[in-house]
Each structure stands twice: as structure tokens, then as C-alpha cells.
Amino acid sequence: MTSLIKRNPFDDIAALWPRDLFNRDFFGALRPDGSLGLSWSPRCDISENDKEVVVHAELPGVAPEDMSVTVKDGILTVSGEKRSEMKKENGGAYTERFFGSFERSLTLPANVDEEHIEATLKNGVLEVHLPKVEKAEPQPRKIEIHTA
């Protein structure tokens, strides 16, 4: 009769690497404030109606002067940096929030008026309004058939 032993495969890895090296090797370098050294990008919701496309990006704790919204070649890019507010007191700190630079790029529909895009930041949510331009409907054109 064989008995099954419940194992966690990460226990073997943890035995090989001390925790600080494991975190560095698998999750990026730990920053001095205790946050992970991973890049991050804001979560976005995108909605569309007849007149515009609206993008909502979650950016809690990011000041307007620490972010940039640009559009080039049909790509909307939100970028910037979220600064850590955590202070180490009495020897330690632990955080699960991401800090550091971020970037999120979205491809825009062809009918967006890039000259009239507006953005507002309220309660940690960036709202970008991308108005649509009316495109002329292509008219059917009869193609003449030649005989050879």
C-alpha cells in the first residue's frame, strides 16, 4: 500500500534559495520600500457610443503632474510614475501595492478625432474622451470590364 504525501513544490525551491534571492530572481528586485520591482500598468475600462470612445484608467495615488497622456499614430498612451508614500518605521514595512513607472497604450479606432481629445482626473480615475469624426460613406463605383 502506497501512502500519498501532500507536497508543495515551492517548498523545495524555498529550500534552495533564501527568500530575498527567491523574490529577486522570480519577482524582480525588491525596492528599498519593500515593494516589488515589477512594472505595472493601470487597469482600463473602454466604452463607446455614437459620438465618442471613453477610456477610464485607474490611477489612485498618482498626481496629474506625475502622468502624461499622449496620442501618436492612432495610439493613446498613458504613462507616468506612482510614488511610494510608505515610510519604514521601527525596522520594517510590507506593501502589496505597485509603485514606480507605468505605461499603458491602446490602439484607437480610425474614426477618432485626435485633435479634440480631453482628459480629466477625479478620485484616482483618469477619464479620457476621444470624440469621433464622421467619415463619408464610400460610394460604390462601377468598374469597367475590358475584354482581352
Protein backbone atom coordinates (compact mmCIF):
# COMPACT_ATOMS: atom_id res chain seq x y z
CA MET A 1 0.00 0.00 0.00
CA THR A 2 1.34 3.37 -1.00
CA SER A 3 0.65 6.46 1.01
CA LEU A 4 0.26 9.82 -0.66
CA ILE A 5 2.22 12.70 0.75
CA LYS A 6 0.90 16.20 0.16
CA ARG A 7 3.73 18.40 -1.03
CA ASN A 8 4.12 21.96 -2.02
CA PRO A 9 6.69 22.12 -4.84
CA PHE A 10 7.62 25.66 -3.79
CA ASP A 11 8.95 24.29 -0.50
CA ASP A 12 11.77 22.66 -2.48
CA ILE A 13 12.54 25.92 -4.26
CA ALA A 14 12.46 27.85 -0.99
CA ALA A 15 14.97 25.41 0.48
CA LEU A 16 17.37 26.11 -2.40
CA TRP A 17 17.07 29.89 -2.42
CA PRO A 18 16.91 32.18 0.57
CA ARG A 19 13.70 34.26 0.47
CA ASP A 20 15.36 37.52 -0.59
CA LEU A 21 17.10 35.81 -3.51
CA PHE A 22 13.91 33.96 -4.48
CA ASN A 23 11.98 37.23 -4.57
CA ARG A 24 14.70 38.95 -6.57
CA ASP A 25 15.10 36.14 -9.09
CA PHE A 26 11.42 35.42 -9.67
CA PHE A 27 9.68 38.71 -8.98
CA GLY A 28 12.29 41.32 -9.80
CA ALA A 29 14.42 43.25 -7.35
CA LEU A 30 12.76 44.27 -4.13
CA ARG A 31 12.82 48.03 -3.77
CA PRO A 32 14.02 49.70 -0.58
CA ASP A 33 10.40 50.42 0.40
CA GLY A 34 9.63 46.68 0.26
CA SER A 35 7.57 46.83 -2.95
CA LEU A 36 8.30 44.51 -5.84
CA GLY A 37 10.40 45.78 -8.70
CA LEU A 38 7.86 44.85 -11.34
CA SER A 39 6.47 47.25 -13.89
CA TRP A 40 2.73 47.77 -13.80
CA SER A 41 0.06 49.31 -15.95
CA PRO A 42 -3.27 50.83 -14.94
CA ARG A 43 -6.48 48.85 -15.37
CA CYS A 44 -8.74 50.37 -18.02
CA ASP A 45 -12.40 50.28 -18.97
CA ILE A 46 -13.28 51.30 -22.52
CA SER A 47 -16.78 52.24 -23.68
CA GLU A 48 -18.09 53.57 -26.95
CA ASN A 49 -21.21 55.30 -28.22
CA ASP A 50 -22.14 57.09 -31.44
CA LYS A 51 -20.21 60.24 -30.55
CA GLU A 52 -17.11 59.13 -28.66
CA VAL A 53 -14.88 56.49 -27.13
CA VAL A 54 -14.30 56.88 -23.39
CA VAL A 55 -11.36 55.35 -21.51
CA HIS A 56 -11.35 55.12 -17.71
CA ALA A 57 -7.94 54.26 -16.20
CA GLU A 58 -7.44 53.51 -12.50
CA LEU A 59 -4.57 55.61 -11.19
CA PRO A 60 -5.10 56.00 -7.43
CA GLY A 61 -2.39 57.99 -5.72
CA VAL A 62 -0.94 59.38 -8.96
CA ALA A 63 -0.84 63.18 -9.20
CA PRO A 64 -1.66 64.83 -12.56
CA GLU A 65 1.88 66.24 -12.75
CA ASP A 66 3.25 62.68 -12.48
CA MET A 67 1.38 61.39 -15.55
CA SER A 68 1.23 62.03 -19.26
CA VAL A 69 -1.46 61.32 -21.84
CA THR A 70 -0.27 61.33 -25.45
CA VAL A 71 -1.62 60.26 -28.82
CA LYS A 72 0.52 59.43 -31.84
CA ASP A 73 -0.17 57.40 -34.97
CA GLY A 74 -3.52 56.19 -33.64
CA ILE A 75 -2.16 55.01 -30.28
CA LEU A 76 -3.23 56.55 -26.97
CA THR A 77 -0.55 56.22 -24.28
CA VAL A 78 -0.98 56.90 -20.56
CA SER A 79 2.34 56.92 -18.72
CA GLY A 80 3.91 58.27 -15.57
CA GLU A 81 5.10 57.33 -12.12
CA LYS A 82 3.37 56.37 -8.89
CA ARG A 83 5.45 57.37 -5.91
CA SER A 84 5.53 55.34 -2.72
CA GLU A 85 4.10 57.00 0.35
CA MET A 86 5.23 54.27 2.72
CA LYS A 87 7.79 55.09 5.38
CA LYS A 88 9.79 52.40 7.11
CA GLU A 89 9.42 52.87 10.83
CA ASN A 90 10.79 50.62 13.54
CA GLY A 91 12.52 48.23 11.19
CA GLY A 92 10.05 47.11 8.56
CA ALA A 93 7.29 47.64 6.06
CA TYR A 94 5.17 45.43 3.85
CA THR A 95 3.20 46.51 0.81
CA GLU A 96 1.25 44.80 -1.95
CA ARG A 97 0.65 47.95 -3.98
CA PHE A 98 2.71 48.69 -7.06
CA PHE A 99 4.88 51.77 -7.25
CA GLY A 100 7.19 53.10 -9.93
CA SER A 101 6.83 53.96 -13.56
CA PHE A 102 3.89 52.74 -15.63
CA GLU A 103 2.71 52.81 -19.20
CA ARG A 104 -0.47 51.69 -20.94
CA SER A 105 -1.04 52.00 -24.70
CA LEU A 106 -4.32 51.49 -26.53
CA THR A 107 -4.90 51.39 -30.27
CA LEU A 108 -7.61 53.86 -31.27
CA PRO A 109 -10.33 53.32 -33.85
CA ALA A 110 -9.63 55.05 -37.18
CA ASN A 111 -12.53 57.48 -36.73
CA VAL A 112 -11.22 59.21 -33.56
CA ASP A 113 -10.61 62.98 -33.80
CA GLU A 114 -7.10 63.13 -32.34
CA GLU A 115 -7.14 66.95 -32.23
CA HIS A 116 -10.01 67.17 -29.70
CA ILE A 117 -9.15 64.53 -27.09
CA GLU A 118 -9.78 65.64 -23.49
CA ALA A 119 -8.71 64.07 -20.19
CA THR A 120 -9.76 64.66 -16.57
CA LEU A 121 -8.59 63.10 -13.31
CA LYS A 122 -11.10 62.66 -10.49
CA ASN A 123 -10.87 60.43 -7.41
CA GLY A 124 -7.94 58.48 -8.85
CA VAL A 125 -9.66 57.69 -12.14
CA LEU A 126 -8.37 59.20 -15.38
CA GLU A 127 -11.20 59.74 -17.85
CA VAL A 128 -10.19 60.28 -21.49
CA HIS A 129 -12.83 61.37 -24.02
CA LEU A 130 -11.99 60.57 -27.63
CA PRO A 131 -14.56 62.20 -29.93
CA LYS A 132 -15.38 60.50 -33.21
CA VAL A 133 -15.35 62.19 -36.59
CA GLU A 134 -17.95 61.40 -39.17
CA LYS A 135 -16.46 59.65 -42.12
CA ALA A 136 -18.07 59.95 -45.50
CA GLU A 137 -19.60 56.70 -46.59
CA PRO A 138 -17.71 55.35 -49.57
CA GLN A 139 -19.85 55.40 -52.66
CA PRO A 140 -19.94 52.30 -54.82
CA ARG A 141 -18.08 52.73 -58.06
CA LYS A 142 -18.72 50.65 -61.11
CA ILE A 143 -15.58 49.06 -62.55
CA GLU A 144 -15.46 48.75 -66.27
CA ILE A 145 -14.63 45.29 -67.57
CA HIS A 146 -12.33 45.14 -70.59
CA THR A 147 -12.12 42.23 -72.96
CA ALA A 148 -8.78 40.78 -73.87
